[in-house]
Amino acid sequence: MTWLMDSGMFRNNQPAGRRQRAEADVRRMGYEFQVQTATFDFRPDRQLDVSVTWTNRGIAPFYYDWPVEYGLLNPEGKLVKTFAGAGKLTGLLPGEPARVWRDALNLAGVPGGSYRVLLRVPNPLPNGKALRFANETQDQDLPEWLTLGNISVSDTK
């Protein structure tokens, strides 16, 4: 079940234990996406091949294909470039094998240096909250973004 309401919860003041159990149960409902691995391969043509392996550890699928984005964050904490990803969120059921997103990011115009590769799934609704991954590096370097790892970009064209 992905939706359940404790109809008696809002009838009077409830014991703290009942409310705590209800809140804990609600937190376990729905999807819980976790990135297991992220790998990067920098090609001489300034393409960065990104492979992200992720799984759904929740109890429900995600029903909409929100956009997937990658970003490059410089050491000063500035997002220098974003890229559209081709990954889909729909169809991955809990308990199924992990899914892999593969994307090639064109780094033309990106200055040489060190960067953190970030991932996010923004909510397409105005003022909607972005999807969050169940990883420790969620929001580590930039709100709404999952930090995947570090790369070094050379100045050669």
Protein backbone atom coordinates (compact mmCIF):
# COMPACT_ATOMS: atom_id res chain seq x y z
CA MET A 1 0.00 0.00 0.00
CA THR A 2 1.30 3.44 -0.81
CA TRP A 3 -1.37 5.51 0.92
CA LEU A 4 -2.98 4.92 4.27
CA MET A 5 -4.59 7.25 6.75
CA ASP A 6 -4.96 6.65 10.46
CA SER A 7 -8.49 8.06 10.62
CA GLY A 8 -8.56 8.14 14.40
CA MET A 9 -5.33 10.12 14.67
CA PHE A 10 -7.01 13.50 14.41
CA ARG A 11 -10.02 12.87 16.65
CA ASN A 12 -8.73 14.12 20.02
CA ASN A 13 -5.32 14.24 21.53
CA GLN A 14 -3.60 10.93 20.98
CA PRO A 15 -0.93 9.30 23.11
CA ALA A 16 2.57 10.27 21.99
CA GLY A 17 3.44 6.64 21.21
CA ARG A 18 0.57 6.28 18.75
CA ARG A 19 1.58 9.45 16.92
CA GLN A 20 5.24 8.38 16.80
CA ARG A 21 4.29 4.96 15.35
CA ALA A 22 2.09 6.62 12.72
CA GLU A 23 4.85 9.04 11.72
CA ALA A 24 7.41 6.21 11.48
CA ASP A 25 5.07 4.17 9.28
CA VAL A 26 4.42 7.10 6.94
CA ARG A 27 8.17 7.64 6.50
CA ARG A 28 8.52 4.05 5.23
CA MET A 29 5.83 4.43 2.55
CA GLY A 30 6.53 5.29 -1.06
CA TYR A 31 9.76 5.19 -3.01
CA GLU A 32 13.27 5.41 -1.59
CA PHE A 33 15.86 5.91 -4.31
CA GLN A 34 19.50 5.32 -3.53
CA VAL A 35 22.49 5.74 -5.81
CA GLN A 36 24.76 2.75 -5.33
CA THR A 37 27.63 3.70 -7.64
CA ALA A 38 28.66 6.50 -9.95
CA THR A 39 31.55 6.21 -12.39
CA PHE A 40 33.12 8.76 -14.74
CA ASP A 41 35.20 8.33 -17.87
CA PHE A 42 36.72 11.48 -19.37
CA ARG A 43 37.29 11.07 -23.12
CA PRO A 44 39.78 13.08 -25.21
CA ASP A 45 36.91 14.72 -27.15
CA ARG A 46 35.88 16.49 -23.89
CA GLN A 47 32.99 14.15 -23.28
CA LEU A 48 32.40 12.88 -19.77
CA ASP A 49 30.72 9.49 -19.74
CA VAL A 50 28.67 9.14 -16.55
CA SER A 51 27.20 5.90 -15.28
CA VAL A 52 24.88 5.99 -12.26
CA THR A 53 23.57 2.77 -10.70
CA TRP A 54 20.52 3.29 -8.50
CA THR A 55 17.80 1.28 -6.82
CA ASN A 56 14.39 1.74 -5.22
CA ARG A 57 14.47 0.53 -1.61
CA GLY A 58 10.97 1.77 -0.82
CA ILE A 59 7.65 0.00 -1.19
CA ALA A 60 6.23 1.83 -4.23
CA PRO A 61 7.31 2.96 -7.69
CA PHE A 62 7.63 6.56 -8.80
CA TYR A 63 4.83 7.45 -11.18
CA TYR A 64 6.20 10.38 -13.21
CA ASP A 65 9.29 10.97 -15.28
CA TRP A 66 10.66 14.13 -13.78
CA PRO A 67 13.73 15.57 -15.53
CA VAL A 68 17.16 14.31 -14.50
CA GLU A 69 20.02 16.84 -14.39
CA TYR A 70 23.75 16.71 -13.83
CA GLY A 71 25.83 19.65 -12.68
CA LEU A 72 29.47 20.63 -12.30
CA LEU A 73 30.37 22.46 -9.11
CA ASN A 74 33.69 24.30 -8.88
CA PRO A 75 35.80 24.51 -5.68
CA GLU A 76 34.29 27.92 -4.91
CA GLY A 77 30.83 26.32 -4.69
CA LYS A 78 29.54 27.75 -7.97
CA LEU A 79 27.50 25.60 -10.33
CA VAL A 80 29.34 26.22 -13.62
CA LYS A 81 27.30 24.05 -15.98
CA THR A 82 24.22 21.83 -15.97
CA PHE A 83 23.33 19.01 -18.32
CA ALA A 84 20.05 17.27 -19.10
CA GLY A 85 20.14 13.57 -18.31
CA ALA A 86 18.26 10.88 -20.18
CA GLY A 87 17.39 8.74 -17.13
CA LYS A 88 13.84 7.71 -16.33
CA LEU A 89 12.41 7.33 -12.84
CA THR A 90 9.34 5.31 -13.73
CA GLY A 91 9.10 1.56 -13.83
CA LEU A 92 11.68 0.63 -11.19
CA LEU A 93 9.80 -1.41 -8.63
CA PRO A 94 11.06 -2.08 -5.13
CA GLY A 95 13.08 -5.26 -4.92
CA GLU A 96 14.01 -5.25 -8.61
CA PRO A 97 17.65 -5.19 -9.72
CA ALA A 98 19.33 -1.81 -9.81
CA ARG A 99 18.94 0.37 -12.90
CA VAL A 100 21.81 2.15 -14.66
CA TRP A 101 21.63 5.60 -16.20
CA ARG A 102 24.33 6.31 -18.79
CA ASP A 103 24.88 9.79 -20.13
CA ALA A 104 27.59 11.59 -22.11
CA LEU A 105 28.14 15.15 -20.93
CA ASN A 106 29.73 17.59 -23.36
CA LEU A 107 32.36 19.56 -21.44
CA ALA A 108 33.13 21.99 -24.28
CA GLY A 109 33.65 25.43 -22.79
CA VAL A 110 34.27 24.13 -19.26
CA PRO A 111 37.56 25.56 -17.96
CA GLY A 112 40.21 23.14 -16.75
CA GLY A 113 40.17 22.37 -13.06
CA SER A 114 38.62 20.24 -10.34
CA TYR A 115 34.87 19.78 -10.14
CA ARG A 116 32.29 17.83 -8.21
CA VAL A 117 29.72 16.02 -10.32
CA LEU A 118 26.21 16.49 -8.98
CA LEU A 119 22.83 14.94 -9.78
CA ARG A 120 19.31 16.17 -9.12
CA VAL A 121 15.74 15.50 -10.10
CA PRO A 122 13.89 18.83 -9.88
CA ASN A 123 10.14 18.93 -9.39
CA PRO A 124 8.51 20.27 -12.57
CA LEU A 125 5.77 22.00 -10.55
CA PRO A 126 6.27 25.66 -9.62
CA ASN A 127 7.71 25.84 -6.10
CA GLY A 128 7.71 22.03 -5.89
CA LYS A 129 10.38 20.26 -3.87
CA ALA A 130 13.05 18.30 -5.72
CA LEU A 131 13.28 14.54 -5.35
CA ARG A 132 15.77 13.52 -2.69
CA PHE A 133 17.98 10.45 -2.77
CA ALA A 134 18.61 8.29 0.29
CA ASN A 135 22.36 8.98 0.24
CA GLU A 136 24.55 10.75 2.78
CA THR A 137 25.84 13.07 0.07
CA GLN A 138 22.36 14.46 -0.68
CA ASP A 139 22.60 18.25 -0.18
CA GLN A 140 26.24 17.88 0.93
CA ASP A 141 27.60 20.52 -1.43
CA LEU A 142 24.49 22.24 -2.83
CA PRO A 143 20.82 22.12 -1.75
CA GLU A 144 18.67 19.78 -3.87
CA TRP A 145 21.75 18.14 -5.43
CA LEU A 146 23.31 14.74 -4.75
CA THR A 147 27.10 14.75 -4.89
CA LEU A 148 28.30 11.83 -7.03
CA GLY A 149 32.06 12.36 -7.00
CA ASN A 150 35.03 14.39 -8.19
CA ILE A 151 36.62 14.86 -11.60
CA SER A 152 39.52 16.79 -13.01
CA VAL A 153 39.08 18.52 -16.38
CA SER A 154 42.18 19.24 -18.43
CA ASP A 155 42.63 22.47 -20.39
CA THR A 156 43.33 20.65 -23.65
CA LYS A 157 40.63 21.09 -26.26
